[in-house]
Amino acid sequence: MAQDAVTADPNRYAVELENDDVRVLRIKYGPGEKSVMHGHPRSLGVALTDVHVRFTSPDGSTEEARFNAGDAAWFPETEHLPENLGDQPLEMIFVEFKG
């Protein structure tokens, strides 16, 4: 798996809570900001703002996603480089499942 998100991009990924079962991240991107390639285990994301994001995979393929504030989404284990395509800040809570 690619580098851990918090290690790879600590300016955008912060640990809010961690225990033996989960790690909860707060994710913040400014308008148009792009991260670096990193990975996540199986996760549940909750959008705190409206989100329009592009995910670039290690093989160069891309996928865009949109979420409204309050939406929840399931994410399988993944490696990606996210980019906020919106003109507003993006904020999410991301619950990463361990084991």
PDB file of N, CA and C in Angstrom:
ATOM      1  N   MET A   1       0.846  -1.190   0.000  1.00  0.00           N
ATOM      2  CA  MET A   1       0.000   0.000   0.000  1.00  0.00           C
ATOM      3  C   MET A   1       0.881   1.241   0.000  1.00  0.00           C
ATOM      4  N   ALA A   2       0.379   2.290  -0.617  1.00  0.00           N
ATOM      5  CA  ALA A   2       1.073   3.581  -0.661  1.00  0.00           C
ATOM      6  C   ALA A   2       1.219   4.141   0.754  1.00  0.00           C
ATOM      7  N   GLN A   3       1.950   5.206   0.849  1.00  0.00           N
ATOM      8  CA  GLN A   3       2.209   5.845   2.136  1.00  0.00           C
ATOM      9  C   GLN A   3       0.907   6.261   2.823  1.00  0.00           C
ATOM     10  N   ASP A   4       0.904   6.205   4.145  1.00  0.00           N
ATOM     11  CA  ASP A   4      -0.221   6.627   4.972  1.00  0.00           C
ATOM     12  C   ASP A   4      -0.559   8.097   4.704  1.00  0.00           C
ATOM     13  N   ALA A   5      -1.837   8.435   4.655  1.00  0.00           N
ATOM     14  CA  ALA A   5      -2.287   9.793   4.336  1.00  0.00           C
ATOM     15  C   ALA A   5      -1.754  10.829   5.316  1.00  0.00           C
ATOM     16  N   VAL A   6      -1.769  10.541   6.601  1.00  0.00           N
ATOM     17  CA  VAL A   6      -1.329  11.512   7.609  1.00  0.00           C
ATOM     18  C   VAL A   6       0.168  11.764   7.494  1.00  0.00           C
ATOM     19  N   THR A   7       0.931  10.725   7.200  1.00  0.00           N
ATOM     20  CA  THR A   7       2.371  10.864   7.019  1.00  0.00           C
ATOM     21  C   THR A   7       2.678  11.590   5.714  1.00  0.00           C
ATOM     22  N   ALA A   8       1.965  11.234   4.653  1.00  0.00           N
ATOM     23  CA  ALA A   8       2.216  11.799   3.325  1.00  0.00           C
ATOM     24  C   ALA A   8       1.781  13.256   3.219  1.00  0.00           C
ATOM     25  N   ASP A   9       0.704  13.640   3.894  1.00  0.00           N
ATOM     26  CA  ASP A   9       0.129  14.977   3.724  1.00  0.00           C
ATOM     27  C   ASP A   9      -0.458  15.488   5.045  1.00  0.00           C
ATOM     28  N   PRO A  10       0.415  15.758   6.032  1.00  0.00           N
ATOM     29  CA  PRO A  10      -0.087  16.158   7.359  1.00  0.00           C
ATOM     30  C   PRO A  10      -0.782  17.515   7.387  1.00  0.00           C
ATOM     31  N   ASN A  11      -0.629  18.327   6.345  1.00  0.00           N
ATOM     32  CA  ASN A  11      -1.327  19.614   6.306  1.00  0.00           C
ATOM     33  C   ASN A  11      -2.804  19.462   5.977  1.00  0.00           C
ATOM     34  N   ARG A  12      -3.190  18.312   5.410  1.00  0.00           N
ATOM     35  CA  ARG A  12      -4.586  18.097   5.021  1.00  0.00           C
ATOM     36  C   ARG A  12      -5.267  16.975   5.787  1.00  0.00           C
ATOM     37  N   TYR A  13      -4.492  16.090   6.430  1.00  0.00           N
ATOM     38  CA  TYR A  13      -5.037  14.923   7.128  1.00  0.00           C
ATOM     39  C   TYR A  13      -4.600  14.965   8.588  1.00  0.00           C
ATOM     40  N   ALA A  14      -5.572  14.999   9.499  1.00  0.00           N
ATOM     41  CA  ALA A  14      -5.281  15.042  10.930  1.00  0.00           C
ATOM     42  C   ALA A  14      -6.047  13.929  11.636  1.00  0.00           C
ATOM     43  N   VAL A  15      -5.389  13.279  12.581  1.00  0.00           N
ATOM     44  CA  VAL A  15      -6.033  12.226  13.367  1.00  0.00           C
ATOM     45  C   VAL A  15      -6.849  12.880  14.469  1.00  0.00           C
ATOM     46  N   GLU A  16      -8.157  12.596  14.487  1.00  0.00           N
ATOM     47  CA  GLU A  16      -9.064  13.103  15.519  1.00  0.00           C
ATOM     48  C   GLU A  16      -9.220  12.106  16.661  1.00  0.00           C
ATOM     49  N   LEU A  17      -9.145  10.806  16.335  1.00  0.00           N
ATOM     50  CA  LEU A  17      -9.324   9.747  17.328  1.00  0.00           C
ATOM     51  C   LEU A  17      -8.700   8.485  16.754  1.00  0.00           C
ATOM     52  N   GLU A  18      -8.077   7.689  17.633  1.00  0.00           N
ATOM     53  CA  GLU A  18      -7.554   6.401  17.193  1.00  0.00           C
ATOM     54  C   GLU A  18      -7.625   5.419  18.351  1.00  0.00           C
ATOM     55  N   ASN A  19      -8.073   4.192  18.024  1.00  0.00           N
ATOM     56  CA  ASN A  19      -8.072   3.117  18.999  1.00  0.00           C
ATOM     57  C   ASN A  19      -7.747   1.811  18.268  1.00  0.00           C
ATOM     58  N   ASP A  20      -7.979   0.673  18.907  1.00  0.00           N
ATOM     59  CA  ASP A  20      -7.637  -0.611  18.300  1.00  0.00           C
ATOM     60  C   ASP A  20      -8.506  -0.949  17.091  1.00  0.00           C
ATOM     61  N   ASP A  21      -9.658  -0.315  16.949  1.00  0.00           N
ATOM     62  CA  ASP A  21     -10.612  -0.658  15.893  1.00  0.00           C
ATOM     63  C   ASP A  21     -10.643   0.313  14.717  1.00  0.00           C
ATOM     64  N   VAL A  22     -10.479   1.616  15.007  1.00  0.00           N
ATOM     65  CA  VAL A  22     -10.616   2.631  13.962  1.00  0.00           C
ATOM     66  C   VAL A  22      -9.603   3.751  14.151  1.00  0.00           C
ATOM     67  N   ARG A  23      -9.411   4.481  13.069  1.00  0.00           N
ATOM     68  CA  ARG A  23      -8.705   5.760  13.125  1.00  0.00           C
ATOM     69  C   ARG A  23      -9.609   6.754  12.413  1.00  0.00           C
ATOM     70  N   VAL A  24      -9.896   7.874  13.074  1.00  0.00           N
ATOM     71  CA  VAL A  24     -10.782   8.895  12.524  1.00  0.00           C
ATOM     72  C   VAL A  24      -9.932  10.083  12.083  1.00  0.00           C
ATOM     73  N   LEU A  25     -10.054  10.415  10.791  1.00  0.00           N
ATOM     74  CA  LEU A  25      -9.302  11.525  10.225  1.00  0.00           C
ATOM     75  C   LEU A  25     -10.221  12.688   9.905  1.00  0.00           C
ATOM     76  N   ARG A  26      -9.702  13.892  10.052  1.00  0.00           N
ATOM     77  CA  ARG A  26     -10.364  15.088   9.531  1.00  0.00           C
ATOM     78  C   ARG A  26      -9.550  15.499   8.308  1.00  0.00           C
ATOM     79  N   ILE A  27     -10.234  15.638   7.180  1.00  0.00           N
ATOM     80  CA  ILE A  27      -9.591  15.962   5.920  1.00  0.00           C
ATOM     81  C   ILE A  27     -10.028  17.356   5.494  1.00  0.00           C
ATOM     82  N   LYS A  28      -9.056  18.213   5.152  1.00  0.00           N
ATOM     83  CA  LYS A  28      -9.356  19.581   4.722  1.00  0.00           C
ATOM     84  C   LYS A  28      -8.505  19.925   3.509  1.00  0.00           C
ATOM     85  N   TYR A  29      -9.168  20.365   2.440  1.00  0.00           N
ATOM     86  CA  TYR A  29      -8.504  20.847   1.232  1.00  0.00           C
ATOM     87  C   TYR A  29      -9.037  22.230   0.908  1.00  0.00           C
ATOM     88  N   GLY A  30      -8.172  23.113   0.503  1.00  0.00           N
ATOM     89  CA  GLY A  30      -8.605  24.393  -0.015  1.00  0.00           C
ATOM     90  C   GLY A  30      -9.100  24.232  -1.450  1.00  0.00           C
ATOM     91  N   PRO A  31      -9.739  25.266  -1.997  1.00  0.00           N
ATOM     92  CA  PRO A  31     -10.212  25.203  -3.377  1.00  0.00           C
ATOM     93  C   PRO A  31      -9.059  24.886  -4.334  1.00  0.00           C
ATOM     94  N   GLY A  32      -9.247  23.887  -5.184  1.00  0.00           N
ATOM     95  CA  GLY A  32      -8.252  23.536  -6.181  1.00  0.00           C
ATOM     96  C   GLY A  32      -7.024  22.813  -5.666  1.00  0.00           C
ATOM     97  N   GLU A  33      -6.942  22.542  -4.362  1.00  0.00           N
ATOM     98  CA  GLU A  33      -5.749  21.891  -3.816  1.00  0.00           C
ATOM     99  C   GLU A  33      -5.689  20.417  -4.184  1.00  0.00           C
ATOM    100  N   LYS A  34      -4.457  19.936  -4.319  1.00  0.00           N
ATOM    101  CA  LYS A  34      -4.184  18.557  -4.688  1.00  0.00           C
ATOM    102  C   LYS A  34      -3.254  17.962  -3.632  1.00  0.00           C
ATOM    103  N   SER A  35      -3.451  16.696  -3.309  1.00  0.00           N
ATOM    104  CA  SER A  35      -2.615  16.003  -2.340  1.00  0.00           C
ATOM    105  C   SER A  35      -1.472  15.299  -3.065  1.00  0.00           C
ATOM    106  N   VAL A  36      -0.923  14.290  -2.436  1.00  0.00           N
ATOM    107  CA  VAL A  36       0.086  13.405  -3.004  1.00  0.00           C
ATOM    108  C   VAL A  36      -0.472  11.990  -2.950  1.00  0.00           C
ATOM    109  N   MET A  37       0.136  11.077  -3.681  1.00  0.00           N
ATOM    110  CA  MET A  37      -0.319   9.687  -3.675  1.00  0.00           C
ATOM    111  C   MET A  37      -0.204   9.126  -2.255  1.00  0.00           C
ATOM    112  N   HIS A  38      -1.275   8.497  -1.794  1.00  0.00           N
ATOM    113  CA  HIS A  38      -1.296   7.878  -0.466  1.00  0.00           C
ATOM    114  C   HIS A  38      -2.372   6.796  -0.443  1.00  0.00           C
ATOM    115  N   GLY A  39      -2.451   6.057   0.662  1.00  0.00           N
ATOM    116  CA  GLY A  39      -3.405   4.971   0.750  1.00  0.00           C
ATOM    117  C   GLY A  39      -4.260   5.042   1.999  1.00  0.00           C
ATOM    118  N   HIS A  40      -5.395   4.339   1.931  1.00  0.00           N
ATOM    119  CA  HIS A  40      -6.320   4.195   3.059  1.00  0.00           C
ATOM    120  C   HIS A  40      -6.799   2.747   3.107  1.00  0.00           C
ATOM    121  N   PRO A  41      -7.018   2.208   4.303  1.00  0.00           N
ATOM    122  CA  PRO A  41      -7.718   0.924   4.403  1.00  0.00           C
ATOM    123  C   PRO A  41      -9.217   1.142   4.138  1.00  0.00           C
ATOM    124  N   ARG A  42     -10.029   0.103   4.288  1.00  0.00           N
ATOM    125  CA  ARG A  42     -11.490   0.258   4.147  1.00  0.00           C
ATOM    126  C   ARG A  42     -11.926   1.424   5.032  1.00  0.00           C
ATOM    127  N   SER A  43     -12.791   2.278   4.484  1.00  0.00           N
ATOM    128  CA  SER A  43     -13.136   3.508   5.198  1.00  0.00           C
ATOM    129  C   SER A  43     -14.574   3.927   4.939  1.00  0.00           C
ATOM    130  N   LEU A  44     -15.076   4.730   5.862  1.00  0.00           N
ATOM    131  CA  LEU A  44     -16.367   5.392   5.732  1.00  0.00           C
ATOM    132  C   LEU A  44     -16.095   6.887   5.780  1.00  0.00           C
ATOM    133  N   GLY A  45     -16.548   7.612   4.758  1.00  0.00           N
ATOM    134  CA  GLY A  45     -16.358   9.059   4.717  1.00  0.00           C
ATOM    135  C   GLY A  45     -17.677   9.779   4.907  1.00  0.00           C
ATOM    136  N   VAL A  46     -17.642  10.893   5.633  1.00  0.00           N
ATOM    137  CA  VAL A  46     -18.810  11.752   5.812  1.00  0.00           C
ATOM    138  C   VAL A  46     -18.413  13.156   5.382  1.00  0.00           C
ATOM    139  N   ALA A  47     -19.105  13.678   4.379  1.00  0.00           N
ATOM    140  CA  ALA A  47     -18.813  15.016   3.867  1.00  0.00           C
ATOM    141  C   ALA A  47     -19.369  16.071   4.817  1.00  0.00           C
ATOM    142  N   LEU A  48     -18.519  16.998   5.229  1.00  0.00           N
ATOM    143  CA  LEU A  48     -18.965  18.113   6.065  1.00  0.00           C
ATOM    144  C   LEU A  48     -19.295  19.333   5.210  1.00  0.00           C
ATOM    145  N   THR A  49     -18.796  19.337   3.983  1.00  0.00           N
ATOM    146  CA  THR A  49     -19.086  20.378   2.999  1.00  0.00           C
ATOM    147  C   THR A  49     -19.489  19.678   1.704  1.00  0.00           C
ATOM    148  N   ASP A  50     -20.002  20.420   0.740  1.00  0.00           N
ATOM    149  CA  ASP A  50     -20.204  19.857  -0.585  1.00  0.00           C
ATOM    150  C   ASP A  50     -18.829  19.530  -1.157  1.00  0.00           C
ATOM    151  N   VAL A  51     -18.724  18.410  -1.859  1.00  0.00           N
ATOM    152  CA  VAL A  51     -17.437  17.909  -2.331  1.00  0.00           C
ATOM    153  C   VAL A  51     -17.520  17.598  -3.821  1.00  0.00           C
ATOM    154  N   HIS A  52     -16.524  18.061  -4.563  1.00  0.00           N
ATOM    155  CA  HIS A  52     -16.304  17.644  -5.949  1.00  0.00           C
ATOM    156  C   HIS A  52     -14.809  17.342  -6.036  1.00  0.00           C
ATOM    157  N   VAL A  53     -14.482  16.073  -6.189  1.00  0.00           N
ATOM    158  CA  VAL A  53     -13.091  15.631  -6.093  1.00  0.00           C
ATOM    159  C   VAL A  53     -12.735  14.718  -7.257  1.00  0.00           C
ATOM    160  N   ARG A  54     -11.469  14.769  -7.653  1.00  0.00           N
ATOM    161  CA  ARG A  54     -10.937  13.822  -8.634  1.00  0.00           C
ATOM    162  C   ARG A  54      -9.904  12.959  -7.927  1.00  0.00           C
ATOM    163  N   PHE A  55     -10.029  11.643  -8.101  1.00  0.00           N
ATOM    164  CA  PHE A  55      -9.061  10.694  -7.561  1.00  0.00           C
ATOM    165  C   PHE A  55      -8.231  10.157  -8.721  1.00  0.00           C
ATOM    166  N   THR A  56      -6.914  10.287  -8.630  1.00  0.00           N
ATOM    167  CA  THR A  56      -6.005   9.701  -9.611  1.00  0.00           C
ATOM    168  C   THR A  56      -5.377   8.472  -8.982  1.00  0.00           C
ATOM    169  N   SER A  57      -5.466   7.338  -9.658  1.00  0.00           N
ATOM    170  CA  SER A  57      -4.912   6.067  -9.178  1.00  0.00           C
ATOM    171  C   SER A  57      -3.446   5.952  -9.581  1.00  0.00           C
ATOM    172  N   PRO A  58      -2.707   5.021  -8.946  1.00  0.00           N
ATOM    173  CA  PRO A  58      -1.295   4.845  -9.305  1.00  0.00           C
ATOM    174  C   PRO A  58      -1.079   4.548 -10.792  1.00  0.00           C
ATOM    175  N   ASP A  59      -2.054   3.930 -11.454  1.00  0.00           N
ATOM    176  CA  ASP A  59      -1.899   3.616 -12.882  1.00  0.00           C
ATOM    177  C   ASP A  59      -2.252   4.802 -13.786  1.00  0.00           C
ATOM    178  N   GLY A  60      -2.604   5.949 -13.192  1.00  0.00           N
ATOM    179  CA  GLY A  60      -2.918   7.152 -13.954  1.00  0.00           C
ATOM    180  C   GLY A  60      -4.379   7.325 -14.297  1.00  0.00           C
ATOM    181  N   SER A  61      -5.212   6.315 -14.055  1.00  0.00           N
ATOM    182  CA  SER A  61      -6.640   6.461 -14.315  1.00  0.00           C
ATOM    183  C   SER A  61      -7.252   7.425 -13.297  1.00  0.00           C
ATOM    184  N   THR A  62      -8.349   8.076 -13.692  1.00  0.00           N
ATOM    185  CA  THR A  62      -8.989   9.053 -12.807  1.00  0.00           C
ATOM    186  C   THR A  62     -10.469   8.750 -12.665  1.00  0.00           C
ATOM    187  N   GLU A  63     -11.008   9.213 -11.553  1.00  0.00           N
ATOM    188  CA  GLU A  63     -12.438   9.093 -11.282  1.00  0.00           C
ATOM    189  C   GLU A  63     -12.862  10.333 -10.511  1.00  0.00           C
ATOM    190  N   GLU A  64     -13.974  10.933 -10.922  1.00  0.00           N
ATOM    191  CA  GLU A  64     -14.520  12.079 -10.200  1.00  0.00           C
ATOM    192  C   GLU A  64     -15.680  11.631  -9.329  1.00  0.00           C
ATOM    193  N   ALA A  65     -15.852  12.315  -8.194  1.00  0.00           N
ATOM    194  CA  ALA A  65     -16.959  12.016  -7.290  1.00  0.00           C
ATOM    195  C   ALA A  65     -17.512  13.329  -6.747  1.00  0.00           C
ATOM    196  N   ARG A  66     -18.807  13.317  -6.470  1.00  0.00           N
ATOM    197  CA  ARG A  66     -19.485  14.465  -5.842  1.00  0.00           C
ATOM    198  C   ARG A  66     -20.283  13.961  -4.651  1.00  0.00           C
ATOM    199  N   PHE A  67     -20.227  14.720  -3.576  1.00  0.00           N
ATOM    200  CA  PHE A  67     -21.003  14.431  -2.380  1.00  0.00           C
ATOM    201  C   PHE A  67     -21.578  15.745  -1.879  1.00  0.00           C
ATOM    202  N   ASN A  68     -22.777  15.686  -1.344  1.00  0.00           N
ATOM    203  CA  ASN A  68     -23.364  16.844  -0.680  1.00  0.00           C
ATOM    204  C   ASN A  68     -22.997  16.798   0.790  1.00  0.00           C
ATOM    205  N   ALA A  69     -22.947  17.956   1.419  1.00  0.00           N
ATOM    206  CA  ALA A  69     -22.685  18.009   2.859  1.00  0.00           C
ATOM    207  C   ALA A  69     -23.670  17.087   3.570  1.00  0.00           C
ATOM    208  N   GLY A  70     -23.158  16.230   4.441  1.00  0.00           N
ATOM    209  CA  GLY A  70     -23.989  15.284   5.174  1.00  0.00           C
ATOM    210  C   GLY A  70     -24.018  13.900   4.567  1.00  0.00           C
ATOM    211  N   ASP A  71     -23.586  13.750   3.310  1.00  0.00           N
ATOM    212  CA  ASP A  71     -23.559  12.431   2.673  1.00  0.00           C
ATOM    213  C   ASP A  71     -22.500  11.545   3.316  1.00  0.00           C
ATOM    214  N   ALA A  72     -22.786  10.258   3.369  1.00  0.00           N
ATOM    215  CA  ALA A  72     -21.823   9.254   3.832  1.00  0.00           C
ATOM    216  C   ALA A  72     -21.544   8.313   2.667  1.00  0.00           C
ATOM    217  N   ALA A  73     -20.296   7.851   2.568  1.00  0.00           N
ATOM    218  CA  ALA A  73     -19.913   6.952   1.475  1.00  0.00           C
ATOM    219  C   ALA A  73     -18.915   5.929   1.980  1.00  0.00           C
ATOM    220  N   TRP A  74     -19.009   4.725   1.434  1.00  0.00           N
ATOM    221  CA  TRP A  74     -18.098   3.624   1.744  1.00  0.00           C
ATOM    222  C   TRP A  74     -16.973   3.626   0.717  1.00  0.00           C
ATOM    223  N   PHE A  75     -15.742   3.406   1.181  1.00  0.00           N
ATOM    224  CA  PHE A  75     -14.586   3.339   0.303  1.00  0.00           C
ATOM    225  C   PHE A  75     -13.818   2.045   0.582  1.00  0.00           C
ATOM    226  N   PRO A  76     -13.561   1.231  -0.441  1.00  0.00           N
ATOM    227  CA  PRO A  76     -12.724   0.051  -0.250  1.00  0.00           C
ATOM    228  C   PRO A  76     -11.274   0.498  -0.029  1.00  0.00           C
ATOM    229  N   GLU A  77     -10.417  -0.430   0.378  1.00  0.00           N
ATOM    230  CA  GLU A  77      -8.994  -0.109   0.491  1.00  0.00           C
ATOM    231  C   GLU A  77      -8.552   0.512  -0.833  1.00  0.00           C
ATOM    232  N   THR A  78      -7.797   1.599  -0.745  1.00  0.00           N
ATOM    233  CA  THR A  78      -7.460   2.321  -1.967  1.00  0.00           C
ATOM    234  C   THR A  78      -6.131   3.034  -1.861  1.00  0.00           C
ATOM    235  N   GLU A  79      -5.549   3.314  -3.015  1.00  0.00           N
ATOM    236  CA  GLU A  79      -4.409   4.213  -3.163  1.00  0.00           C
ATOM    237  C   GLU A  79      -4.838   5.262  -4.177  1.00  0.00           C
ATOM    238  N   HIS A  80      -4.603   6.526  -3.865  1.00  0.00           N
ATOM    239  CA  HIS A  80      -5.043   7.584  -4.778  1.00  0.00           C
ATOM    240  C   HIS A  80      -4.351   8.902  -4.474  1.00  0.00           C
ATOM    241  N   LEU A  81      -4.513   9.827  -5.409  1.00  0.00           N
ATOM    242  CA  LEU A  81      -4.089  11.208  -5.251  1.00  0.00           C
ATOM    243  C   LEU A  81      -5.349  12.051  -5.450  1.00  0.00           C
ATOM    244  N   PRO A  82      -5.910  12.619  -4.377  1.00  0.00           N
ATOM    245  CA  PRO A  82      -7.133  13.417  -4.494  1.00  0.00           C
ATOM    246  C   PRO A  82      -6.842  14.873  -4.882  1.00  0.00           C
ATOM    247  N   GLU A  83      -7.804  15.474  -5.583  1.00  0.00           N
ATOM    248  CA  GLU A  83      -7.738  16.885  -5.934  1.00  0.00           C
ATOM    249  C   GLU A  83      -9.126  17.492  -5.760  1.00  0.00           C
ATOM    250  N   ASN A  84      -9.209  18.592  -5.008  1.00  0.00           N
ATOM    251  CA  ASN A  84     -10.473  19.303  -4.820  1.00  0.00           C
ATOM    252  C   ASN A  84     -10.765  20.098  -6.088  1.00  0.00           C
ATOM    253  N   LEU A  85     -11.786  19.683  -6.835  1.00  0.00           N
ATOM    254  CA  LEU A  85     -12.164  20.377  -8.064  1.00  0.00           C
ATOM    255  C   LEU A  85     -13.107  21.543  -7.809  1.00  0.00           C
ATOM    256  N   GLY A  86     -13.540  21.676  -6.567  1.00  0.00           N
ATOM    257  CA  GLY A  86     -14.480  22.742  -6.233  1.00  0.00           C
ATOM    258  C   GLY A  86     -13.796  24.077  -6.012  1.00  0.00           C
ATOM    259  N   ASP A  87     -14.613  25.137  -5.974  1.00  0.00           N
ATOM    260  CA  ASP A  87     -14.083  26.478  -5.718  1.00  0.00           C
ATOM    261  C   ASP A  87     -14.284  26.892  -4.262  1.00  0.00           C
ATOM    262  N   GLN A  88     -14.652  25.919  -3.429  1.00  0.00           N
ATOM    263  CA  GLN A  88     -14.830  26.127  -1.992  1.00  0.00           C
ATOM    264  C   GLN A  88     -13.990  25.103  -1.235  1.00  0.00           C
ATOM    265  N   PRO A  89     -13.680  25.370   0.049  1.00  0.00           N
ATOM    266  CA  PRO A  89     -12.951  24.374   0.840  1.00  0.00           C
ATOM    267  C   PRO A  89     -13.728  23.061   0.925  1.00  0.00           C
ATOM    268  N   LEU A  90     -13.005  21.981   1.006  1.00  0.00           N
ATOM    269  CA  LEU A  90     -13.559  20.634   1.148  1.00  0.00           C
ATOM    270  C   LEU A  90     -13.197  20.149   2.543  1.00  0.00           C
ATOM    271  N   GLU A  91     -14.173  19.584   3.263  1.00  0.00           N
ATOM    272  CA  GLU A  91     -13.885  19.016   4.583  1.00  0.00           C
ATOM    273  C   GLU A  91     -14.689  17.735   4.751  1.00  0.00           C
ATOM    274  N   MET A  92     -14.005  16.693   5.230  1.00  0.00           N
ATOM    275  CA  MET A  92     -14.631  15.389   5.465  1.00  0.00           C
ATOM    276  C   MET A  92     -14.123  14.787   6.764  1.00  0.00           C
ATOM    277  N   ILE A  93     -14.928  13.915   7.331  1.00  0.00           N
ATOM    278  CA  ILE A  93     -14.486  13.014   8.404  1.00  0.00           C
ATOM    279  C   ILE A  93     -14.360  11.654   7.751  1.00  0.00           C
ATOM    280  N   PHE A  94     -13.247  10.982   7.990  1.00  0.00           N
ATOM    281  CA  PHE A  94     -12.948   9.700   7.353  1.00  0.00           C
ATOM    282  C   PHE A  94     -12.655   8.702   8.462  1.00  0.00           C
ATOM    283  N   VAL A  95     -13.440   7.627   8.542  1.00  0.00           N
ATOM    284  CA  VAL A  95     -13.247   6.579   9.552  1.00  0.00           C
ATOM    285  C   VAL A  95     -12.572   5.401   8.869  1.00  0.00           C
ATOM    286  N   GLU A  96     -11.317   5.160   9.198  1.00  0.00           N
ATOM    287  CA  GLU A  96     -10.552   4.049   8.641  1.00  0.00           C
ATOM    288  C   GLU A  96     -10.683   2.847   9.576  1.00  0.00           C
ATOM    289  N   PHE A  97     -11.045   1.699   9.010  1.00  0.00           N
ATOM    290  CA  PHE A  97     -11.242   0.486   9.805  1.00  0.00           C
ATOM    291  C   PHE A  97      -9.962  -0.327   9.852  1.00  0.00           C
ATOM    292  N   LYS A  98      -9.606  -0.778  11.036  1.00  0.00           N
ATOM    293  CA  LYS A  98      -8.410  -1.589  11.218  1.00  0.00           C
ATOM    294  C   LYS A  98      -8.785  -3.065  11.229  1.00  0.00           C
ATOM    295  N   GLY A  99      -7.885  -3.882  10.747  1.00  0.00           N
ATOM    296  CA  GLY A  99      -8.081  -5.334  10.806  1.00  0.00           C
ATOM    297  C   GLY A  99      -9.094  -5.889   9.861  1.00  0.00           C
TER     298      GLY A  99
END
